[in-house]
Amino acid sequence: MFVLSYDAGAGYPFRVAGTRVCALLGCDLKDRSFSALFDAQSRREIEDIRHTVAKLKTEAAVRRTVEDLNERIRRAQRGHLDGPPVVLSTVDADEVVEAWLGLR
């Protein structure tokens, strides 16, 4: 289990990180940037998914964008990307679509 601070400027630092999460990453995570665990492109997309999809014209395009991001997250979870183990869950496409519809 972990809890992040809602502080984009600090990279959404860990407020609390359980023993298992810290063990997975091999270090104490308190106050460390959650966003820094990911490559720059993924980090921007994860932090800014609603802004990323805001410019899209159709729900299908929004869902494709979320699915592309989720596929990269799943590959990272399976260890197919360089870097530390990924503890991030996939993004809920329905929630992103709902937020996208709210911007219209």
PDB file of N, CA and C in Angstrom:
ATOM      1  N   MET A   1       0.828  -1.159   0.000  1.00  0.00           N
ATOM      2  CA  MET A   1       0.000   0.000   0.000  1.00  0.00           C
ATOM      3  C   MET A   1       0.887   1.242   0.000  1.00  0.00           C
ATOM      4  N   PHE A   2       0.389   2.304  -0.652  1.00  0.00           N
ATOM      5  CA  PHE A   2       1.092   3.572  -0.610  1.00  0.00           C
ATOM      6  C   PHE A   2       0.099   4.711  -0.796  1.00  0.00           C
ATOM      7  N   VAL A   3       0.498   5.884  -0.342  1.00  0.00           N
ATOM      8  CA  VAL A   3      -0.293   7.098  -0.471  1.00  0.00           C
ATOM      9  C   VAL A   3       0.617   8.166  -1.047  1.00  0.00           C
ATOM     10  N   LEU A   4       0.112   8.884  -2.062  1.00  0.00           N
ATOM     11  CA  LEU A   4       0.891   9.936  -2.696  1.00  0.00           C
ATOM     12  C   LEU A   4       0.361  11.301  -2.297  1.00  0.00           C
ATOM     13  N   SER A   5       1.237  12.289  -2.274  1.00  0.00           N
ATOM     14  CA  SER A   5       0.834  13.684  -2.074  1.00  0.00           C
ATOM     15  C   SER A   5       0.390  14.245  -3.417  1.00  0.00           C
ATOM     16  N   TYR A   6      -0.647  15.067  -3.390  1.00  0.00           N
ATOM     17  CA  TYR A   6      -1.091  15.722  -4.625  1.00  0.00           C
ATOM     18  C   TYR A   6      -0.266  16.994  -4.812  1.00  0.00           C
ATOM     19  N   ASP A   7       0.947  16.813  -5.305  1.00  0.00           N
ATOM     20  CA  ASP A   7       1.884  17.910  -5.498  1.00  0.00           C
ATOM     21  C   ASP A   7       2.633  17.654  -6.795  1.00  0.00           C
ATOM     22  N   ALA A   8       2.056  18.160  -7.895  1.00  0.00           N
ATOM     23  CA  ALA A   8       2.639  17.905  -9.215  1.00  0.00           C
ATOM     24  C   ALA A   8       4.062  18.440  -9.319  1.00  0.00           C
ATOM     25  N   GLY A   9       4.324  19.592  -8.707  1.00  0.00           N
ATOM     26  CA  GLY A   9       5.652  20.184  -8.787  1.00  0.00           C
ATOM     27  C   GLY A   9       6.735  19.322  -8.172  1.00  0.00           C
ATOM     28  N   ALA A  10       6.357  18.518  -7.193  1.00  0.00           N
ATOM     29  CA  ALA A  10       7.316  17.626  -6.533  1.00  0.00           C
ATOM     30  C   ALA A  10       7.265  16.211  -7.097  1.00  0.00           C
ATOM     31  N   GLY A  11       6.487  16.012  -8.159  1.00  0.00           N
ATOM     32  CA  GLY A  11       6.411  14.689  -8.783  1.00  0.00           C
ATOM     33  C   GLY A  11       5.542  13.708  -8.021  1.00  0.00           C
ATOM     34  N   TYR A  12       4.531  14.221  -7.307  1.00  0.00           N
ATOM     35  CA  TYR A  12       3.624  13.387  -6.524  1.00  0.00           C
ATOM     36  C   TYR A  12       4.405  12.479  -5.573  1.00  0.00           C
ATOM     37  N   PRO A  13       5.035  13.067  -4.572  1.00  0.00           N
ATOM     38  CA  PRO A  13       5.874  12.273  -3.665  1.00  0.00           C
ATOM     39  C   PRO A  13       5.061  11.307  -2.808  1.00  0.00           C
ATOM     40  N   PHE A  14       5.716  10.232  -2.415  1.00  0.00           N
ATOM     41  CA  PHE A  14       5.107   9.259  -1.516  1.00  0.00           C
ATOM     42  C   PHE A  14       4.939   9.892  -0.143  1.00  0.00           C
ATOM     43  N   ARG A  15       3.733   9.854   0.407  1.00  0.00           N
ATOM     44  CA  ARG A  15       3.516  10.274   1.794  1.00  0.00           C
ATOM     45  C   ARG A  15       3.755   9.078   2.703  1.00  0.00           C
ATOM     46  N   VAL A  16       3.235   7.942   2.269  1.00  0.00           N
ATOM     47  CA  VAL A  16       3.377   6.686   3.005  1.00  0.00           C
ATOM     48  C   VAL A  16       3.659   5.601   1.983  1.00  0.00           C
ATOM     49  N   ALA A  17       4.567   4.715   2.289  1.00  0.00           N
ATOM     50  CA  ALA A  17       4.836   3.567   1.420  1.00  0.00           C
ATOM     51  C   ALA A  17       5.042   2.356   2.313  1.00  0.00           C
ATOM     52  N   GLY A  18       4.225   1.335   2.084  1.00  0.00           N
ATOM     53  CA  GLY A  18       4.311   0.132   2.895  1.00  0.00           C
ATOM     54  C   GLY A  18       5.610  -0.624   2.699  1.00  0.00           C
ATOM     55  N   THR A  19       5.864  -1.516   3.612  1.00  0.00           N
ATOM     56  CA  THR A  19       7.088  -2.303   3.597  1.00  0.00           C
ATOM     57  C   THR A  19       7.252  -3.080   2.300  1.00  0.00           C
ATOM     58  N   ARG A  20       6.168  -3.665   1.802  1.00  0.00           N
ATOM     59  CA  ARG A  20       6.266  -4.460   0.570  1.00  0.00           C
ATOM     60  C   ARG A  20       6.640  -3.606  -0.635  1.00  0.00           C
ATOM     61  N   VAL A  21       6.027  -2.424  -0.725  1.00  0.00           N
ATOM     62  CA  VAL A  21       6.337  -1.535  -1.848  1.00  0.00           C
ATOM     63  C   VAL A  21       7.801  -1.105  -1.780  1.00  0.00           C
ATOM     64  N   CYS A  22       8.245  -0.720  -0.600  1.00  0.00           N
ATOM     65  CA  CYS A  22       9.650  -0.322  -0.433  1.00  0.00           C
ATOM     66  C   CYS A  22      10.587  -1.484  -0.757  1.00  0.00           C
ATOM     67  N   ALA A  23      10.207  -2.679  -0.352  1.00  0.00           N
ATOM     68  CA  ALA A  23      11.040  -3.853  -0.634  1.00  0.00           C
ATOM     69  C   ALA A  23      11.110  -4.118  -2.137  1.00  0.00           C
ATOM     70  N   LEU A  24       9.995  -3.949  -2.837  1.00  0.00           N
ATOM     71  CA  LEU A  24       9.986  -4.143  -4.288  1.00  0.00           C
ATOM     72  C   LEU A  24      10.977  -3.219  -4.982  1.00  0.00           C
ATOM     73  N   LEU A  25      11.050  -1.985  -4.499  1.00  0.00           N
ATOM     74  CA  LEU A  25      11.915  -1.005  -5.132  1.00  0.00           C
ATOM     75  C   LEU A  25      13.282  -0.909  -4.479  1.00  0.00           C
ATOM     76  N   GLY A  26      13.450  -1.601  -3.362  1.00  0.00           N
ATOM     77  CA  GLY A  26      14.751  -1.679  -2.727  1.00  0.00           C
ATOM     78  C   GLY A  26      15.189  -0.435  -1.980  1.00  0.00           C
ATOM     79  N   CYS A  27      14.234   0.395  -1.568  1.00  0.00           N
ATOM     80  CA  CYS A  27      14.606   1.597  -0.819  1.00  0.00           C
ATOM     81  C   CYS A  27      13.370   2.178  -0.115  1.00  0.00           C
ATOM     82  N   ASP A  28      13.615   3.067   0.837  1.00  0.00           N
ATOM     83  CA  ASP A  28      12.536   3.791   1.497  1.00  0.00           C
ATOM     84  C   ASP A  28      12.024   4.839   0.528  1.00  0.00           C
ATOM     85  N   LEU A  29      10.724   4.898   0.327  1.00  0.00           N
ATOM     86  CA  LEU A  29      10.160   5.793  -0.676  1.00  0.00           C
ATOM     87  C   LEU A  29       9.587   7.088  -0.123  1.00  0.00           C
ATOM     88  N   LYS A  30       9.472   7.216   1.191  1.00  0.00           N
ATOM     89  CA  LYS A  30       8.855   8.411   1.770  1.00  0.00           C
ATOM     90  C   LYS A  30       9.514   9.672   1.218  1.00  0.00           C
ATOM     91  N   ASP A  31       8.674  10.578   0.733  1.00  0.00           N
ATOM     92  CA  ASP A  31       9.073  11.872   0.170  1.00  0.00           C
ATOM     93  C   ASP A  31       9.792  11.772  -1.172  1.00  0.00           C
ATOM     94  N   ARG A  32       9.945  10.585  -1.727  1.00  0.00           N
ATOM     95  CA  ARG A  32      10.556  10.442  -3.052  1.00  0.00           C
ATOM     96  C   ARG A  32       9.487  10.587  -4.117  1.00  0.00           C
ATOM     97  N   SER A  33       9.856  11.072  -5.257  1.00  0.00           N
ATOM     98  CA  SER A  33       8.937  11.320  -6.361  1.00  0.00           C
ATOM     99  C   SER A  33       8.411  10.018  -6.954  1.00  0.00           C
ATOM    100  N   PHE A  34       7.092   9.876  -6.977  1.00  0.00           N
ATOM    101  CA  PHE A  34       6.458   8.735  -7.628  1.00  0.00           C
ATOM    102  C   PHE A  34       6.697   8.810  -9.137  1.00  0.00           C
ATOM    103  N   SER A  35       6.555  10.010  -9.688  1.00  0.00           N
ATOM    104  CA  SER A  35       6.696  10.191 -11.133  1.00  0.00           C
ATOM    105  C   SER A  35       8.070   9.800 -11.636  1.00  0.00           C
ATOM    106  N   ALA A  36       9.081   9.960 -10.801  1.00  0.00           N
ATOM    107  CA  ALA A  36      10.452   9.656 -11.221  1.00  0.00           C
ATOM    108  C   ALA A  36      10.676   8.166 -11.468  1.00  0.00           C
ATOM    109  N   LEU A  37       9.734   7.333 -11.086  1.00  0.00           N
ATOM    110  CA  LEU A  37       9.869   5.891 -11.314  1.00  0.00           C
ATOM    111  C   LEU A  37       9.666   5.515 -12.780  1.00  0.00           C
ATOM    112  N   PHE A  38       9.205   6.456 -13.594  1.00  0.00           N
ATOM    113  CA  PHE A  38       8.845   6.159 -14.974  1.00  0.00           C
ATOM    114  C   PHE A  38       9.666   6.990 -15.940  1.00  0.00           C
ATOM    115  N   ASP A  39       9.793   6.492 -17.178  1.00  0.00           N
ATOM    116  CA  ASP A  39      10.505   7.270 -18.184  1.00  0.00           C
ATOM    117  C   ASP A  39       9.724   8.561 -18.452  1.00  0.00           C
ATOM    118  N   ALA A  40      10.374   9.532 -19.049  1.00  0.00           N
ATOM    119  CA  ALA A  40       9.797  10.869 -19.205  1.00  0.00           C
ATOM    120  C   ALA A  40       8.468  10.857 -19.957  1.00  0.00           C
ATOM    121  N   GLN A  41       8.373  10.098 -21.035  1.00  0.00           N
ATOM    122  CA  GLN A  41       7.130  10.082 -21.817  1.00  0.00           C
ATOM    123  C   GLN A  41       5.983   9.496 -20.999  1.00  0.00           C
ATOM    124  N   SER A  42       6.197   8.360 -20.378  1.00  0.00           N
ATOM    125  CA  SER A  42       5.148   7.740 -19.565  1.00  0.00           C
ATOM    126  C   SER A  42       4.775   8.637 -18.395  1.00  0.00           C
ATOM    127  N   ARG A  43       5.774   9.254 -17.787  1.00  0.00           N
ATOM    128  CA  ARG A  43       5.539  10.134 -16.642  1.00  0.00           C
ATOM    129  C   ARG A  43       4.603  11.267 -17.039  1.00  0.00           C
ATOM    130  N   ARG A  44       4.863  11.910 -18.169  1.00  0.00           N
ATOM    131  CA  ARG A  44       4.000  13.008 -18.620  1.00  0.00           C
ATOM    132  C   ARG A  44       2.584  12.517 -18.868  1.00  0.00           C
ATOM    133  N   GLU A  45       2.455  11.370 -19.507  1.00  0.00           N
ATOM    134  CA  GLU A  45       1.121  10.852 -19.818  1.00  0.00           C
ATOM    135  C   GLU A  45       0.348  10.469 -18.569  1.00  0.00           C
ATOM    136  N   ILE A  46       0.999   9.827 -17.627  1.00  0.00           N
ATOM    137  CA  ILE A  46       0.332   9.415 -16.394  1.00  0.00           C
ATOM    138  C   ILE A  46      -0.121  10.637 -15.606  1.00  0.00           C
ATOM    139  N   GLU A  47       0.752  11.628 -15.481  1.00  0.00           N
ATOM    140  CA  GLU A  47       0.421  12.827 -14.713  1.00  0.00           C
ATOM    141  C   GLU A  47      -0.648  13.663 -15.392  1.00  0.00           C
ATOM    142  N   ASP A  48      -0.724  13.598 -16.697  1.00  0.00           N
ATOM    143  CA  ASP A  48      -1.525  14.556 -17.440  1.00  0.00           C
ATOM    144  C   ASP A  48      -2.503  13.888 -18.401  1.00  0.00           C
ATOM    145  N   ILE A  49      -2.993  12.705 -18.082  1.00  0.00           N
ATOM    146  CA  ILE A  49      -3.839  11.965 -19.020  1.00  0.00           C
ATOM    147  C   ILE A  49      -5.083  12.754 -19.410  1.00  0.00           C
ATOM    148  N   ARG A  50      -5.678  13.476 -18.474  1.00  0.00           N
ATOM    149  CA  ARG A  50      -6.890  14.231 -18.813  1.00  0.00           C
ATOM    150  C   ARG A  50      -6.592  15.355 -19.798  1.00  0.00           C
ATOM    151  N   HIS A  51      -5.427  15.999 -19.637  1.00  0.00           N
ATOM    152  CA  HIS A  51      -5.036  17.038 -20.585  1.00  0.00           C
ATOM    153  C   HIS A  51      -4.638  16.426 -21.922  1.00  0.00           C
ATOM    154  N   THR A  52      -4.063  15.253 -21.881  1.00  0.00           N
ATOM    155  CA  THR A  52      -3.669  14.566 -23.105  1.00  0.00           C
ATOM    156  C   THR A  52      -4.891  14.258 -23.960  1.00  0.00           C
ATOM    157  N   VAL A  53      -5.971  13.799 -23.327  1.00  0.00           N
ATOM    158  CA  VAL A  53      -7.161  13.413 -24.093  1.00  0.00           C
ATOM    159  C   VAL A  53      -8.087  14.589 -24.371  1.00  0.00           C
ATOM    160  N   ALA A  54      -7.899  15.719 -23.695  1.00  0.00           N
ATOM    161  CA  ALA A  54      -8.804  16.865 -23.864  1.00  0.00           C
ATOM    162  C   ALA A  54      -8.872  17.328 -25.314  1.00  0.00           C
ATOM    163  N   LYS A  55      -7.768  17.198 -26.038  1.00  0.00           N
ATOM    164  CA  LYS A  55      -7.738  17.674 -27.434  1.00  0.00           C
ATOM    165  C   LYS A  55      -8.313  16.658 -28.422  1.00  0.00           C
ATOM    166  N   LEU A  56      -8.615  15.459 -27.946  1.00  0.00           N
ATOM    167  CA  LEU A  56      -9.151  14.428 -28.836  1.00  0.00           C
ATOM    168  C   LEU A  56     -10.612  14.705 -29.156  1.00  0.00           C
ATOM    169  N   LYS A  57     -11.047  14.248 -30.321  1.00  0.00           N
ATOM    170  CA  LYS A  57     -12.386  14.576 -30.823  1.00  0.00           C
ATOM    171  C   LYS A  57     -13.447  13.525 -30.535  1.00  0.00           C
ATOM    172  N   THR A  58     -13.023  12.262 -30.360  1.00  0.00           N
ATOM    173  CA  THR A  58     -14.026  11.206 -30.192  1.00  0.00           C
ATOM    174  C   THR A  58     -13.726  10.348 -28.966  1.00  0.00           C
ATOM    175  N   GLU A  59     -14.777   9.740 -28.450  1.00  0.00           N
ATOM    176  CA  GLU A  59     -14.604   8.827 -27.321  1.00  0.00           C
ATOM    177  C   GLU A  59     -13.708   7.657 -27.700  1.00  0.00           C
ATOM    178  N   ALA A  60     -13.846   7.188 -28.926  1.00  0.00           N
ATOM    179  CA  ALA A  60     -13.001   6.065 -29.382  1.00  0.00           C
ATOM    180  C   ALA A  60     -11.527   6.448 -29.338  1.00  0.00           C
ATOM    181  N   ALA A  61     -11.202   7.672 -29.714  1.00  0.00           N
ATOM    182  CA  ALA A  61      -9.814   8.125 -29.674  1.00  0.00           C
ATOM    183  C   ALA A  61      -9.313   8.212 -28.236  1.00  0.00           C
ATOM    184  N   VAL A  62     -10.189   8.665 -27.324  1.00  0.00           N
ATOM    185  CA  VAL A  62      -9.827   8.726 -25.906  1.00  0.00           C
ATOM    186  C   VAL A  62      -9.527   7.326 -25.394  1.00  0.00           C
ATOM    187  N   ARG A  63     -10.412   6.388 -25.697  1.00  0.00           N
ATOM    188  CA  ARG A  63     -10.226   5.010 -25.229  1.00  0.00           C
ATOM    189  C   ARG A  63      -8.959   4.392 -25.816  1.00  0.00           C
ATOM    190  N   ARG A  64      -8.650   4.666 -27.079  1.00  0.00           N
ATOM    191  CA  ARG A  64      -7.415   4.146 -27.698  1.00  0.00           C
ATOM    192  C   ARG A  64      -6.189   4.707 -26.985  1.00  0.00           C
ATOM    193  N   THR A  65      -6.219   5.992 -26.672  1.00  0.00           N
ATOM    194  CA  THR A  65      -5.096   6.628 -25.985  1.00  0.00           C
ATOM    195  C   THR A  65      -4.882   6.019 -24.610  1.00  0.00           C
ATOM    196  N   VAL A  66      -5.966   5.815 -23.874  1.00  0.00           N
ATOM    197  CA  VAL A  66      -5.868   5.200 -22.549  1.00  0.00           C
ATOM    198  C   VAL A  66      -5.374   3.767 -22.673  1.00  0.00           C
ATOM    199  N   GLU A  67      -5.866   3.036 -23.664  1.00  0.00           N
ATOM    200  CA  GLU A  67      -5.430   1.644 -23.833  1.00  0.00           C
ATOM    201  C   GLU A  67      -3.947   1.572 -24.194  1.00  0.00           C
ATOM    202  N   ASP A  68      -3.470   2.493 -25.022  1.00  0.00           N
ATOM    203  CA  ASP A  68      -2.034   2.537 -25.348  1.00  0.00           C
ATOM    204  C   ASP A  68      -1.206   2.754 -24.087  1.00  0.00           C
ATOM    205  N   LEU A  69      -1.629   3.703 -23.254  1.00  0.00           N
ATOM    206  CA  LEU A  69      -0.935   3.962 -21.992  1.00  0.00           C
ATOM    207  C   LEU A  69      -0.992   2.723 -21.100  1.00  0.00           C
ATOM    208  N   ASN A  70      -2.172   2.111 -20.987  1.00  0.00           N
ATOM    209  CA  ASN A  70      -2.321   0.919 -20.143  1.00  0.00           C
ATOM    210  C   ASN A  70      -1.453  -0.235 -20.627  1.00  0.00           C
ATOM    211  N   GLU A  71      -1.289  -0.370 -21.928  1.00  0.00           N
ATOM    212  CA  GLU A  71      -0.437  -1.445 -22.451  1.00  0.00           C
ATOM    213  C   GLU A  71       1.011  -1.222 -22.047  1.00  0.00           C
ATOM    214  N   ARG A  72       1.483   0.019 -22.087  1.00  0.00           N
ATOM    215  CA  ARG A  72       2.850   0.305 -21.636  1.00  0.00           C
ATOM    216  C   ARG A  72       2.994   0.032 -20.137  1.00  0.00           C
ATOM    217  N   ILE A  73       1.961   0.373 -19.364  1.00  0.00           N
ATOM    218  CA  ILE A  73       1.995   0.095 -17.926  1.00  0.00           C
ATOM    219  C   ILE A  73       2.045  -1.406 -17.689  1.00  0.00           C
ATOM    220  N   ARG A  74       1.228  -2.178 -18.415  1.00  0.00           N
ATOM    221  CA  ARG A  74       1.227  -3.638 -18.250  1.00  0.00           C
ATOM    222  C   ARG A  74       2.573  -4.246 -18.628  1.00  0.00           C
ATOM    223  N   ARG A  75       3.195  -3.749 -19.708  1.00  0.00           N
ATOM    224  CA  ARG A  75       4.536  -4.242 -20.088  1.00  0.00           C
ATOM    225  C   ARG A  75       5.538  -3.955 -18.982  1.00  0.00           C
ATOM    226  N   ALA A  76       5.452  -2.771 -18.408  1.00  0.00           N
ATOM    227  CA  ALA A  76       6.365  -2.407 -17.317  1.00  0.00           C
ATOM    228  C   ALA A  76       6.110  -3.284 -16.096  1.00  0.00           C
ATOM    229  N   GLN A  77       4.844  -3.574 -15.811  1.00  0.00           N
ATOM    230  CA  GLN A  77       4.504  -4.432 -14.669  1.00  0.00           C
ATOM    231  C   GLN A  77       5.077  -5.838 -14.851  1.00  0.00           C
ATOM    232  N   ARG A  78       5.124  -6.300 -16.086  1.00  0.00           N
ATOM    233  CA  ARG A  78       5.661  -7.637 -16.366  1.00  0.00           C
ATOM    234  C   ARG A  78       7.185  -7.626 -16.433  1.00  0.00           C
ATOM    235  N   GLY A  79       7.785  -6.445 -16.277  1.00  0.00           N
ATOM    236  CA  GLY A  79       9.239  -6.355 -16.278  1.00  0.00           C
ATOM    237  C   GLY A  79       9.844  -6.262 -17.652  1.00  0.00           C
ATOM    238  N   HIS A  80       9.067  -5.832 -18.651  1.00  0.00           N
ATOM    239  CA  HIS A  80       9.577  -5.760 -20.012  1.00  0.00           C
ATOM    240  C   HIS A  80      10.167  -4.392 -20.350  1.00  0.00           C
ATOM    241  N   LEU A  81      10.283  -3.516 -19.365  1.00  0.00           N
ATOM    242  CA  LEU A  81      10.903  -2.213 -19.574  1.00  0.00           C
ATOM    243  C   LEU A  81      12.049  -2.060 -18.593  1.00  0.00           C
ATOM    244  N   ASP A  82      13.017  -1.246 -18.955  1.00  0.00           N
ATOM    245  CA  ASP A  82      14.128  -0.979 -18.053  1.00  0.00           C
ATOM    246  C   ASP A  82      13.661  -0.149 -16.871  1.00  0.00           C
ATOM    247  N   GLY A  83      14.350  -0.271 -15.763  1.00  0.00           N
ATOM    248  CA  GLY A  83      14.044   0.533 -14.595  1.00  0.00           C
ATOM    249  C   GLY A  83      13.528  -0.307 -13.450  1.00  0.00           C
ATOM    250  N   PRO A  84      13.131   0.359 -12.369  1.00  0.00           N
ATOM    251  CA  PRO A  84      12.649  -0.364 -11.187  1.00  0.00           C
ATOM    252  C   PRO A  84      11.294  -0.999 -11.451  1.00  0.00           C
ATOM    253  N   PRO A  85      10.897  -1.951 -10.622  1.00  0.00           N
ATOM    254  CA  PRO A  85       9.579  -2.562 -10.780  1.00  0.00           C
ATOM    255  C   PRO A  85       8.484  -1.494 -10.730  1.00  0.00           C
ATOM    256  N   VAL A  86       7.443  -1.691 -11.519  1.00  0.00           N
ATOM    257  CA  VAL A  86       6.347  -0.737 -11.582  1.00  0.00           C
ATOM    258  C   VAL A  86       5.226  -1.182 -10.653  1.00  0.00           C
ATOM    259  N   VAL A  87       4.788  -0.266  -9.805  1.00  0.00           N
ATOM    260  CA  VAL A  87       3.709  -0.571  -8.871  1.00  0.00           C
ATOM    261  C   VAL A  87       2.455   0.209  -9.233  1.00  0.00           C
ATOM    262  N   LEU A  88       2.420   0.784 -10.412  1.00  0.00           N
ATOM    263  CA  LEU A  88       1.298   1.597 -10.864  1.00  0.00           C
ATOM    264  C   LEU A  88       0.210   0.718 -11.449  1.00  0.00           C
ATOM    265  N   SER A  89      -1.025   1.053 -11.133  1.00  0.00           N
ATOM    266  CA  SER A  89      -2.165   0.369 -11.738  1.00  0.00           C
ATOM    267  C   SER A  89      -2.487   1.019 -13.072  1.00  0.00           C
ATOM    268  N   THR A  90      -3.183   0.284 -13.890  1.00  0.00           N
ATOM    269  CA  THR A  90      -3.620   0.840 -15.163  1.00  0.00           C
ATOM    270  C   THR A  90      -4.644   1.939 -14.914  1.00  0.00           C
ATOM    271  N   VAL A  91      -4.868   2.747 -15.930  1.00  0.00           N
ATOM    272  CA  VAL A  91      -5.792   3.872 -15.858  1.00  0.00           C
ATOM    273  C   VAL A  91      -7.186   3.376 -16.234  1.00  0.00           C
ATOM    274  N   ASP A  92      -8.200   3.805 -15.488  1.00  0.00           N
ATOM    275  CA  ASP A  92      -9.586   3.414 -15.756  1.00  0.00           C
ATOM    276  C   ASP A  92     -10.116   4.238 -16.929  1.00  0.00           C
ATOM    277  N   ALA A  93     -10.333   3.594 -18.069  1.00  0.00           N
ATOM    278  CA  ALA A  93     -10.777   4.286 -19.279  1.00  0.00           C
ATOM    279  C   ALA A  93     -12.123   4.973 -19.069  1.00  0.00           C
ATOM    280  N   ASP A  94     -13.029   4.336 -18.343  1.00  0.00           N
ATOM    281  CA  ASP A  94     -14.343   4.948 -18.110  1.00  0.00           C
ATOM    282  C   ASP A  94     -14.217   6.257 -17.328  1.00  0.00           C
ATOM    283  N   GLU A  95     -13.331   6.304 -16.343  1.00  0.00           N
ATOM    284  CA  GLU A  95     -13.123   7.536 -15.576  1.00  0.00           C
ATOM    285  C   GLU A  95     -12.538   8.634 -16.459  1.00  0.00           C
ATOM    286  N   VAL A  96     -11.601   8.277 -17.321  1.00  0.00           N
ATOM    287  CA  VAL A  96     -10.999   9.266 -18.213  1.00  0.00           C
ATOM    288  C   VAL A  96     -12.037   9.776 -19.203  1.00  0.00           C
ATOM    289  N   VAL A  97     -12.860   8.878 -19.747  1.00  0.00           N
ATOM    290  CA  VAL A  97     -13.919   9.292 -20.676  1.00  0.00           C
ATOM    291  C   VAL A  97     -14.903  10.215 -19.966  1.00  0.00           C
ATOM    292  N   GLU A  98     -15.274   9.885 -18.745  1.00  0.00           N
ATOM    293  CA  GLU A  98     -16.193  10.735 -17.988  1.00  0.00           C
ATOM    294  C   GLU A  98     -15.607  12.141 -17.794  1.00  0.00           C
ATOM    295  N   ALA A  99     -14.331  12.211 -17.446  1.00  0.00           N
ATOM    296  CA  ALA A  99     -13.666  13.512 -17.286  1.00  0.00           C
ATOM    297  C   ALA A  99     -13.602  14.243 -18.627  1.00  0.00           C
ATOM    298  N   TRP A 100     -13.313  13.503 -19.690  1.00  0.00           N
ATOM    299  CA  TRP A 100     -13.256  14.084 -21.035  1.00  0.00           C
ATOM    300  C   TRP A 100     -14.612  14.655 -21.441  1.00  0.00           C
ATOM    301  N   LEU A 101     -15.681  13.921 -21.168  1.00  0.00           N
ATOM    302  CA  LEU A 101     -17.030  14.416 -21.486  1.00  0.00           C
ATOM    303  C   LEU A 101     -17.342  15.683 -20.684  1.00  0.00           C
ATOM    304  N   GLY A 102     -16.851  15.751 -19.450  1.00  0.00           N
ATOM    305  CA  GLY A 102     -17.063  16.930 -18.620  1.00  0.00           C
ATOM    306  C   GLY A 102     -16.372  18.171 -19.162  1.00  0.00           C
ATOM    307  N   LEU A 103     -15.341  17.989 -19.980  1.00  0.00           N
ATOM    308  CA  LEU A 103     -14.620  19.116 -20.573  1.00  0.00           C
ATOM    309  C   LEU A 103     -15.307  19.641 -21.827  1.00  0.00           C
ATOM    310  N   ARG A 104     -16.252  18.903 -22.327  1.00  0.00           N
ATOM    311  CA  ARG A 104     -16.919  19.273 -23.581  1.00  0.00           C
ATOM    312  C   ARG A 104     -17.976  20.291 -23.373  1.00  0.00           C
TER     313      ARG A 104
END
